[in-house]
């Protein structure tokens, strides 16, 4: 496997998403019973994933 910068960027984004999911679960456990935090966390996660998909599609063109 050659050292392609696009693959490094892709893995960095995937790593950020995985860490974000873990932090979201940890935050959900520690801040139980706060629906505003849940909404903000879910919106942030969805926005991050959408940004990743858009960036991935832009890189493939």
PDB file of N, CA and C in Angstrom:
ATOM      1  N   UNK A   1       0.851  -1.197   0.000  1.00  0.00           N
ATOM      2  CA  UNK A   1       0.000   0.000   0.000  1.00  0.00           C
ATOM      3  C   UNK A   1       0.887   1.249   0.000  1.00  0.00           C
ATOM      4  N   UNK A   2       0.682   2.074  -0.990  1.00  0.00           N
ATOM      5  CA  UNK A   2       1.520   3.268  -1.090  1.00  0.00           C
ATOM      6  C   UNK A   2       1.060   4.358  -0.130  1.00  0.00           C
ATOM      7  N   UNK A   3       1.920   5.311   0.106  1.00  0.00           N
ATOM      8  CA  UNK A   3       1.661   6.367   1.096  1.00  0.00           C
ATOM      9  C   UNK A   3       0.908   7.510   0.425  1.00  0.00           C
ATOM     10  N   UNK A   4      -0.425   7.384   0.348  1.00  0.00           N
ATOM     11  CA  UNK A   4      -1.254   8.382  -0.332  1.00  0.00           C
ATOM     12  C   UNK A   4      -1.794   9.387   0.682  1.00  0.00           C
ATOM     13  N   UNK A   5      -1.595  10.687   0.475  1.00  0.00           N
ATOM     14  CA  UNK A   5      -2.095  11.684   1.444  1.00  0.00           C
ATOM     15  C   UNK A   5      -3.604  11.607   1.638  1.00  0.00           C
ATOM     16  N   UNK A   6      -4.355  11.260   0.566  1.00  0.00           N
ATOM     17  CA  UNK A   6      -5.811  11.185   0.701  1.00  0.00           C
ATOM     18  C   UNK A   6      -6.216  10.094   1.678  1.00  0.00           C
ATOM     19  N   UNK A   7      -5.481   8.964   1.671  1.00  0.00           N
ATOM     20  CA  UNK A   7      -5.804   7.888   2.614  1.00  0.00           C
ATOM     21  C   UNK A   7      -5.533   8.341   4.044  1.00  0.00           C
ATOM     22  N   UNK A   8      -4.461   9.096   4.247  1.00  0.00           N
ATOM     23  CA  UNK A   8      -4.148   9.584   5.595  1.00  0.00           C
ATOM     24  C   UNK A   8      -5.271  10.505   6.076  1.00  0.00           C
ATOM     25  N   UNK A   9      -5.758  11.387   5.187  1.00  0.00           N
ATOM     26  CA  UNK A   9      -6.845  12.295   5.563  1.00  0.00           C
ATOM     27  C   UNK A   9      -8.102  11.490   5.883  1.00  0.00           C
ATOM     28  N   UNK A  10      -8.387  10.459   5.056  1.00  0.00           N
ATOM     29  CA  UNK A  10      -9.576   9.635   5.288  1.00  0.00           C
ATOM     30  C   UNK A  10      -9.500   8.949   6.636  1.00  0.00           C
ATOM     31  N   UNK A  11      -8.339   8.354   6.958  1.00  0.00           N
ATOM     32  CA  UNK A  11      -8.206   7.666   8.245  1.00  0.00           C
ATOM     33  C   UNK A  11      -8.276   8.659   9.402  1.00  0.00           C
ATOM     34  N   UNK A  12      -7.760   9.870   9.207  1.00  0.00           N
ATOM     35  CA  UNK A  12      -7.848  10.878  10.265  1.00  0.00           C
ATOM     36  C   UNK A  12      -9.306  11.239  10.531  1.00  0.00           C
ATOM     37  N   UNK A  13     -10.099  11.395   9.456  1.00  0.00           N
ATOM     38  CA  UNK A  13     -11.518  11.701   9.638  1.00  0.00           C
ATOM     39  C   UNK A  13     -12.233  10.547  10.317  1.00  0.00           C
ATOM     40  N   UNK A  14     -11.941   9.309   9.894  1.00  0.00           N
ATOM     41  CA  UNK A  14     -12.575   8.147  10.522  1.00  0.00           C
ATOM     42  C   UNK A  14     -12.216   8.087  11.998  1.00  0.00           C
ATOM     43  N   UNK A  15     -10.960   8.352  12.319  1.00  0.00           N
ATOM     44  CA  UNK A  15     -10.541   8.351  13.724  1.00  0.00           C
ATOM     45  C   UNK A  15     -11.281   9.410  14.518  1.00  0.00           C
ATOM     46  N   UNK A  16     -11.455  10.598  13.923  1.00  0.00           N
ATOM     47  CA  UNK A  16     -12.192  11.664  14.615  1.00  0.00           C
ATOM     48  C   UNK A  16     -13.637  11.258  14.851  1.00  0.00           C
ATOM     49  N   UNK A  17     -14.245  10.590  13.867  1.00  0.00           N
ATOM     50  CA  UNK A  17     -15.640  10.171  14.026  1.00  0.00           C
ATOM     51  C   UNK A  17     -15.750   9.128  15.130  1.00  0.00           C
ATOM     52  N   UNK A  18     -14.813   8.154  15.156  1.00  0.00           N
ATOM     53  CA  UNK A  18     -14.853   7.114  16.188  1.00  0.00           C
ATOM     54  C   UNK A  18     -14.689   7.741  17.568  1.00  0.00           C
ATOM     55  N   UNK A  19     -13.723   8.652  17.702  1.00  0.00           N
ATOM     56  CA  UNK A  19     -13.510   9.323  18.996  1.00  0.00           C
ATOM     57  C   UNK A  19     -14.747  10.144  19.365  1.00  0.00           C
ATOM     58  N   UNK A  20     -15.354  10.809  18.377  1.00  0.00           N
ATOM     59  CA  UNK A  20     -16.560  11.587  18.645  1.00  0.00           C
ATOM     60  C   UNK A  20     -17.710  10.717  19.130  1.00  0.00           C
ATOM     61  N   UNK A  21     -17.853   9.516  18.534  1.00  0.00           N
ATOM     62  CA  UNK A  21     -18.912   8.599  18.974  1.00  0.00           C
ATOM     63  C   UNK A  21     -18.655   8.162  20.408  1.00  0.00           C
ATOM     64  N   UNK A  22     -17.398   7.813  20.716  1.00  0.00           N
ATOM     65  CA  UNK A  22     -17.071   7.396  22.086  1.00  0.00           C
ATOM     66  C   UNK A  22     -17.345   8.527  23.074  1.00  0.00           C
ATOM     67  N   UNK A  23     -16.930   9.746  22.728  1.00  0.00           N
ATOM     68  CA  UNK A  23     -17.178  10.884  23.617  1.00  0.00           C
ATOM     69  C   UNK A  23     -18.675  11.142  23.764  1.00  0.00           C
ATOM     70  N   UNK A  24     -19.432  10.923  22.685  1.00  0.00           N
ATOM     71  CA  UNK A  24     -20.879  11.128  22.768  1.00  0.00           C
ATOM     72  C   UNK A  24     -21.502  10.131  23.738  1.00  0.00           C
ATOM     73  N   UNK A  25     -21.050   8.868  23.685  1.00  0.00           N
ATOM     74  CA  UNK A  25     -21.592   7.871  24.611  1.00  0.00           C
ATOM     75  C   UNK A  25     -21.194   8.193  26.046  1.00  0.00           C
ATOM     76  N   UNK A  26     -19.927   8.580  26.246  1.00  0.00           N
ATOM     77  CA  UNK A  26     -19.467   8.918  27.601  1.00  0.00           C
ATOM     78  C   UNK A  26     -20.239  10.135  28.111  1.00  0.00           C
ATOM     79  N   UNK A  27     -20.413  11.143  27.251  1.00  0.00           N
ATOM     80  CA  UNK A  27     -21.169  12.329  27.649  1.00  0.00           C
ATOM     81  C   UNK A  27     -22.621  11.993  27.960  1.00  0.00           C
ATOM     82  N   UNK A  28     -23.193  11.042  27.214  1.00  0.00           N
ATOM     83  CA  UNK A  28     -24.573  10.643  27.479  1.00  0.00           C
ATOM     84  C   UNK A  28     -24.712   9.969  28.829  1.00  0.00           C
ATOM     85  N   UNK A  29     -23.681   9.222  29.241  1.00  0.00           N
ATOM     86  CA  UNK A  29     -23.746   8.547  30.538  1.00  0.00           C
ATOM     87  C   UNK A  29     -23.577   9.564  31.663  1.00  0.00           C
ATOM     88  N   UNK A  30     -22.613  10.487  31.511  1.00  0.00           N
ATOM     89  CA  UNK A  30     -22.314  11.407  32.610  1.00  0.00           C
ATOM     90  C   UNK A  30     -23.366  12.505  32.714  1.00  0.00           C
ATOM     91  N   UNK A  31     -23.954  12.936  31.571  1.00  0.00           N
ATOM     92  CA  UNK A  31     -24.936  14.027  31.595  1.00  0.00           C
ATOM     93  C   UNK A  31     -26.329  13.466  31.362  1.00  0.00           C
ATOM     94  N   UNK A  32     -26.676  12.396  32.087  1.00  0.00           N
ATOM     95  CA  UNK A  32     -27.988  11.778  31.879  1.00  0.00           C
ATOM     96  C   UNK A  32     -29.076  12.711  32.391  1.00  0.00           C
ATOM     97  N   UNK A  33     -30.162  12.814  31.622  1.00  0.00           N
ATOM     98  CA  UNK A  33     -31.286  13.644  32.023  1.00  0.00           C
ATOM     99  C   UNK A  33     -31.159  15.089  31.583  1.00  0.00           C
ATOM    100  N   UNK A  34     -30.315  15.371  30.586  1.00  0.00           N
ATOM    101  CA  UNK A  34     -30.186  16.733  30.053  1.00  0.00           C
ATOM    102  C   UNK A  34     -30.442  16.681  28.548  1.00  0.00           C
ATOM    103  N   UNK A  35     -31.698  16.823  28.107  1.00  0.00           N
ATOM    104  CA  UNK A  35     -32.029  16.644  26.687  1.00  0.00           C
ATOM    105  C   UNK A  35     -31.368  17.663  25.772  1.00  0.00           C
ATOM    106  N   UNK A  36     -31.105  18.892  26.260  1.00  0.00           N
ATOM    107  CA  UNK A  36     -30.465  19.884  25.389  1.00  0.00           C
ATOM    108  C   UNK A  36     -29.063  19.419  24.991  1.00  0.00           C
ATOM    109  N   UNK A  37     -28.344  18.844  25.956  1.00  0.00           N
ATOM    110  CA  UNK A  37     -27.005  18.338  25.642  1.00  0.00           C
ATOM    111  C   UNK A  37     -27.091  17.199  24.635  1.00  0.00           C
ATOM    112  N   UNK A  38     -28.098  16.329  24.776  1.00  0.00           N
ATOM    113  CA  UNK A  38     -28.249  15.228  23.827  1.00  0.00           C
ATOM    114  C   UNK A  38     -28.469  15.768  22.419  1.00  0.00           C
ATOM    115  N   UNK A  39     -29.347  16.781  22.291  1.00  0.00           N
ATOM    116  CA  UNK A  39     -29.617  17.334  20.960  1.00  0.00           C
ATOM    117  C   UNK A  39     -28.346  17.938  20.362  1.00  0.00           C
ATOM    118  N   UNK A  40     -27.617  18.719  21.157  1.00  0.00           N
ATOM    119  CA  UNK A  40     -26.393  19.341  20.649  1.00  0.00           C
ATOM    120  C   UNK A  40     -25.388  18.278  20.229  1.00  0.00           C
ATOM    121  N   UNK A  41     -25.245  17.234  21.037  1.00  0.00           N
ATOM    122  CA  UNK A  41     -24.272  16.190  20.752  1.00  0.00           C
ATOM    123  C   UNK A  41     -24.636  15.456  19.465  1.00  0.00           C
ATOM    124  N   UNK A  42     -25.916  15.114  19.307  1.00  0.00           N
ATOM    125  CA  UNK A  42     -26.339  14.383  18.111  1.00  0.00           C
ATOM    126  C   UNK A  42     -26.181  15.266  16.875  1.00  0.00           C
ATOM    127  N   UNK A  43     -26.553  16.546  16.982  1.00  0.00           N
ATOM    128  CA  UNK A  43     -26.386  17.456  15.843  1.00  0.00           C
ATOM    129  C   UNK A  43     -24.915  17.564  15.450  1.00  0.00           C
ATOM    130  N   UNK A  44     -24.030  17.645  16.434  1.00  0.00           N
ATOM    131  CA  UNK A  44     -22.599  17.748  16.144  1.00  0.00           C
ATOM    132  C   UNK A  44     -22.104  16.490  15.444  1.00  0.00           C
ATOM    133  N   UNK A  45     -22.564  15.322  15.920  1.00  0.00           N
ATOM    134  CA  UNK A  45     -22.133  14.056  15.326  1.00  0.00           C
ATOM    135  C   UNK A  45     -22.616  13.946  13.885  1.00  0.00           C
ATOM    136  N   UNK A  46     -23.887  14.294  13.639  1.00  0.00           N
ATOM    137  CA  UNK A  46     -24.430  14.216  12.279  1.00  0.00           C
ATOM    138  C   UNK A  46     -23.701  15.197  11.364  1.00  0.00           C
ATOM    139  N   UNK A  47     -23.444  16.405  11.859  1.00  0.00           N
ATOM    140  CA  UNK A  47     -22.737  17.403  11.049  1.00  0.00           C
ATOM    141  C   UNK A  47     -21.333  16.922  10.699  1.00  0.00           C
ATOM    142  N   UNK A  48     -20.652  16.301  11.672  1.00  0.00           N
ATOM    143  CA  UNK A  48     -19.305  15.793  11.417  1.00  0.00           C
ATOM    144  C   UNK A  48     -19.337  14.705  10.354  1.00  0.00           C
ATOM    145  N   UNK A  49     -20.308  13.789  10.440  1.00  0.00           N
ATOM    146  CA  UNK A  49     -20.387  12.693   9.475  1.00  0.00           C
ATOM    147  C   UNK A  49     -20.745  13.220   8.091  1.00  0.00           C
ATOM    148  N   UNK A  50     -21.663  14.202   8.017  1.00  0.00           N
ATOM    149  CA  UNK A  50     -22.014  14.785   6.720  1.00  0.00           C
ATOM    150  C   UNK A  50     -20.800  15.478   6.109  1.00  0.00           C
ATOM    151  N   UNK A  51     -20.065  16.226   6.922  1.00  0.00           N
ATOM    152  CA  UNK A  51     -18.858  16.882   6.432  1.00  0.00           C
ATOM    153  C   UNK A  51     -17.833  15.880   5.926  1.00  0.00           C
ATOM    154  N   UNK A  52     -17.715  14.744   6.624  1.00  0.00           N
ATOM    155  CA  UNK A  52     -16.779  13.706   6.194  1.00  0.00           C
ATOM    156  C   UNK A  52     -17.199  13.142   4.841  1.00  0.00           C
ATOM    157  N   UNK A  53     -18.492  12.839   4.679  1.00  0.00           N
ATOM    158  CA  UNK A  53     -18.965  12.257   3.419  1.00  0.00           C
ATOM    159  C   UNK A  53     -18.798  13.246   2.272  1.00  0.00           C
ATOM    160  N   UNK A  54     -19.118  14.525   2.514  1.00  0.00           N
ATOM    161  CA  UNK A  54     -18.968  15.534   1.460  1.00  0.00           C
ATOM    162  C   UNK A  54     -17.494  15.669   1.077  1.00  0.00           C
ATOM    163  N   UNK A  55     -16.611  15.725   2.071  1.00  0.00           N
ATOM    164  CA  UNK A  55     -15.184  15.828   1.787  1.00  0.00           C
ATOM    165  C   UNK A  55     -14.655  14.611   1.051  1.00  0.00           C
ATOM    166  N   UNK A  56     -15.145  13.421   1.414  1.00  0.00           N
ATOM    167  CA  UNK A  56     -14.699  12.199   0.748  1.00  0.00           C
ATOM    168  C   UNK A  56     -15.129  12.209  -0.715  1.00  0.00           C
ATOM    169  N   UNK A  57     -16.379  12.600  -0.988  1.00  0.00           N
ATOM    170  CA  UNK A  57     -16.860  12.654  -2.367  1.00  0.00           C
ATOM    171  C   UNK A  57     -16.100  13.706  -3.169  1.00  0.00           C
ATOM    172  N   UNK A  58     -15.773  14.837  -2.552  1.00  0.00           N
ATOM    173  CA  UNK A  58     -15.035  15.889  -3.253  1.00  0.00           C
ATOM    174  C   UNK A  58     -13.622  15.416  -3.586  1.00  0.00           C
ATOM    175  N   UNK A  59     -13.011  14.619  -2.693  1.00  0.00           N
ATOM    176  CA  UNK A  59     -11.656  14.133  -2.946  1.00  0.00           C
ATOM    177  C   UNK A  59     -11.626  13.097  -4.061  1.00  0.00           C
ATOM    178  N   UNK A  60     -12.709  12.327  -4.224  1.00  0.00           N
ATOM    179  CA  UNK A  60     -12.709  11.261  -5.231  1.00  0.00           C
ATOM    180  C   UNK A  60     -12.877  11.803  -6.642  1.00  0.00           C
ATOM    181  N   UNK A  61     -13.403  13.034  -6.801  1.00  0.00           N
ATOM    182  CA  UNK A  61     -13.635  13.575  -8.150  1.00  0.00           C
ATOM    183  C   UNK A  61     -12.339  14.009  -8.804  1.00  0.00           C
TER     184      UNK A  61
END
